[in-house]
């Protein structure tokens, strides 16, 4: 069964938003909430789902919030 273009777009949007929320949840477990929330605009500006998935994996192991912020700019 072939999915409609609208369904594909909505699915991608949902997956992107869920990935961003998961990144934030991981970071908030390790770092100050205010520092993590400051990264929200940068995360939301990323449209590449593969990059977000990579950042999600990195968020689980990053040593400090500054290192993660630097990854956002790469």
C-alpha atoms as a PDB file:
ATOM      1  CA  UNK A   1       0.000   0.000   0.000  1.00  0.00           C
ATOM      2  CA  UNK A   2       1.406   3.361  -1.002  1.00  0.00           C
ATOM      3  CA  UNK A   3       1.175   6.135   1.568  1.00  0.00           C
ATOM      4  CA  UNK A   4      -0.123   9.532   0.601  1.00  0.00           C
ATOM      5  CA  UNK A   5       2.233  12.494   0.447  1.00  0.00           C
ATOM      6  CA  UNK A   6       0.294  14.159   3.260  1.00  0.00           C
ATOM      7  CA  UNK A   7       0.686  11.084   5.464  1.00  0.00           C
ATOM      8  CA  UNK A   8       4.419  10.951   4.753  1.00  0.00           C
ATOM      9  CA  UNK A   9       4.856  14.627   5.646  1.00  0.00           C
ATOM     10  CA  UNK A  10       2.866  14.285   8.861  1.00  0.00           C
ATOM     11  CA  UNK A  11       4.759  11.153   9.814  1.00  0.00           C
ATOM     12  CA  UNK A  12       8.107  12.843   9.234  1.00  0.00           C
ATOM     13  CA  UNK A  13       6.995  15.914  11.211  1.00  0.00           C
ATOM     14  CA  UNK A  14       5.874  13.719  14.116  1.00  0.00           C
ATOM     15  CA  UNK A  15       9.103  11.700  14.061  1.00  0.00           C
ATOM     16  CA  UNK A  16      11.203  14.875  13.939  1.00  0.00           C
ATOM     17  CA  UNK A  17       9.358  16.426  16.900  1.00  0.00           C
ATOM     18  CA  UNK A  18       9.515  13.203  18.918  1.00  0.00           C
ATOM     19  CA  UNK A  19      13.254  12.946  18.277  1.00  0.00           C
ATOM     20  CA  UNK A  20      13.784  16.526  19.467  1.00  0.00           C
ATOM     21  CA  UNK A  21      11.762  15.814  22.618  1.00  0.00           C
ATOM     22  CA  UNK A  22      13.799  12.664  23.271  1.00  0.00           C
ATOM     23  CA  UNK A  23      17.055  14.590  22.859  1.00  0.00           C
ATOM     24  CA  UNK A  24      15.865  17.195  25.345  1.00  0.00           C
ATOM     25  CA  UNK A  25      14.763  14.539  27.839  1.00  0.00           C
ATOM     26  CA  UNK A  26      18.178  12.857  27.728  1.00  0.00           C
ATOM     27  CA  UNK A  27      20.009  16.135  28.136  1.00  0.00           C
ATOM     28  CA  UNK A  28      17.766  17.261  31.014  1.00  0.00           C
ATOM     29  CA  UNK A  29      18.678  14.104  32.934  1.00  0.00           C
ATOM     30  CA  UNK A  30      22.327  15.138  32.814  1.00  0.00           C
ATOM     31  CA  UNK A  31      22.410  18.924  32.760  1.00  0.00           C
ATOM     32  CA  UNK A  32      20.628  22.018  34.058  1.00  0.00           C
ATOM     33  CA  UNK A  33      17.192  22.418  32.507  1.00  0.00           C
ATOM     34  CA  UNK A  34      17.787  26.101  31.696  1.00  0.00           C
ATOM     35  CA  UNK A  35      20.954  25.268  29.750  1.00  0.00           C
ATOM     36  CA  UNK A  36      19.150  22.529  27.837  1.00  0.00           C
ATOM     37  CA  UNK A  37      16.118  24.723  27.066  1.00  0.00           C
ATOM     38  CA  UNK A  38      18.452  27.303  25.550  1.00  0.00           C
ATOM     39  CA  UNK A  39      19.199  24.729  22.828  1.00  0.00           C
ATOM     40  CA  UNK A  40      15.555  24.312  21.770  1.00  0.00           C
ATOM     41  CA  UNK A  41      15.615  26.913  18.950  1.00  0.00           C
ATOM     42  CA  UNK A  42      18.771  25.386  17.475  1.00  0.00           C
ATOM     43  CA  UNK A  43      17.302  21.876  17.617  1.00  0.00           C
ATOM     44  CA  UNK A  44      14.027  22.995  16.071  1.00  0.00           C
ATOM     45  CA  UNK A  45      15.867  24.620  13.193  1.00  0.00           C
ATOM     46  CA  UNK A  46      17.321  21.257  12.132  1.00  0.00           C
ATOM     47  CA  UNK A  47      15.231  19.740   9.353  1.00  0.00           C
ATOM     48  CA  UNK A  48      17.502  16.773   8.596  1.00  0.00           C
ATOM     49  CA  UNK A  49      15.986  13.817  10.425  1.00  0.00           C
ATOM     50  CA  UNK A  50      19.191  11.792  10.126  1.00  0.00           C
ATOM     51  CA  UNK A  51      21.156  14.549  11.863  1.00  0.00           C
ATOM     52  CA  UNK A  52      18.572  14.645  14.650  1.00  0.00           C
ATOM     53  CA  UNK A  53      18.822  10.865  15.072  1.00  0.00           C
ATOM     54  CA  UNK A  54      22.602  11.184  15.305  1.00  0.00           C
ATOM     55  CA  UNK A  55      22.263  13.951  17.900  1.00  0.00           C
ATOM     56  CA  UNK A  56      19.883  11.755  19.869  1.00  0.00           C
ATOM     57  CA  UNK A  57      22.562   9.087  20.155  1.00  0.00           C
ATOM     58  CA  UNK A  58      25.171  11.685  21.060  1.00  0.00           C
ATOM     59  CA  UNK A  59      22.952  13.196  23.761  1.00  0.00           C
ATOM     60  CA  UNK A  60      23.089   9.908  25.657  1.00  0.00           C
ATOM     61  CA  UNK A  61      26.880  10.048  25.927  1.00  0.00           C
ATOM     62  CA  UNK A  62      27.927  13.696  25.735  1.00  0.00           C
ATOM     63  CA  UNK A  63      30.188  14.853  28.576  1.00  0.00           C
ATOM     64  CA  UNK A  64      28.894  18.416  28.865  1.00  0.00           C
ATOM     65  CA  UNK A  65      26.260  20.716  27.441  1.00  0.00           C
ATOM     66  CA  UNK A  66      28.857  22.861  25.691  1.00  0.00           C
ATOM     67  CA  UNK A  67      30.068  19.872  23.677  1.00  0.00           C
ATOM     68  CA  UNK A  68      26.511  19.119  22.619  1.00  0.00           C
ATOM     69  CA  UNK A  69      25.901  22.744  21.669  1.00  0.00           C
ATOM     70  CA  UNK A  70      28.985  22.591  19.484  1.00  0.00           C
ATOM     71  CA  UNK A  71      27.615  19.493  17.716  1.00  0.00           C
ATOM     72  CA  UNK A  72      24.523  21.497  16.792  1.00  0.00           C
ATOM     73  CA  UNK A  73      26.692  23.880  14.801  1.00  0.00           C
ATOM     74  CA  UNK A  74      28.594  21.215  12.874  1.00  0.00           C
END
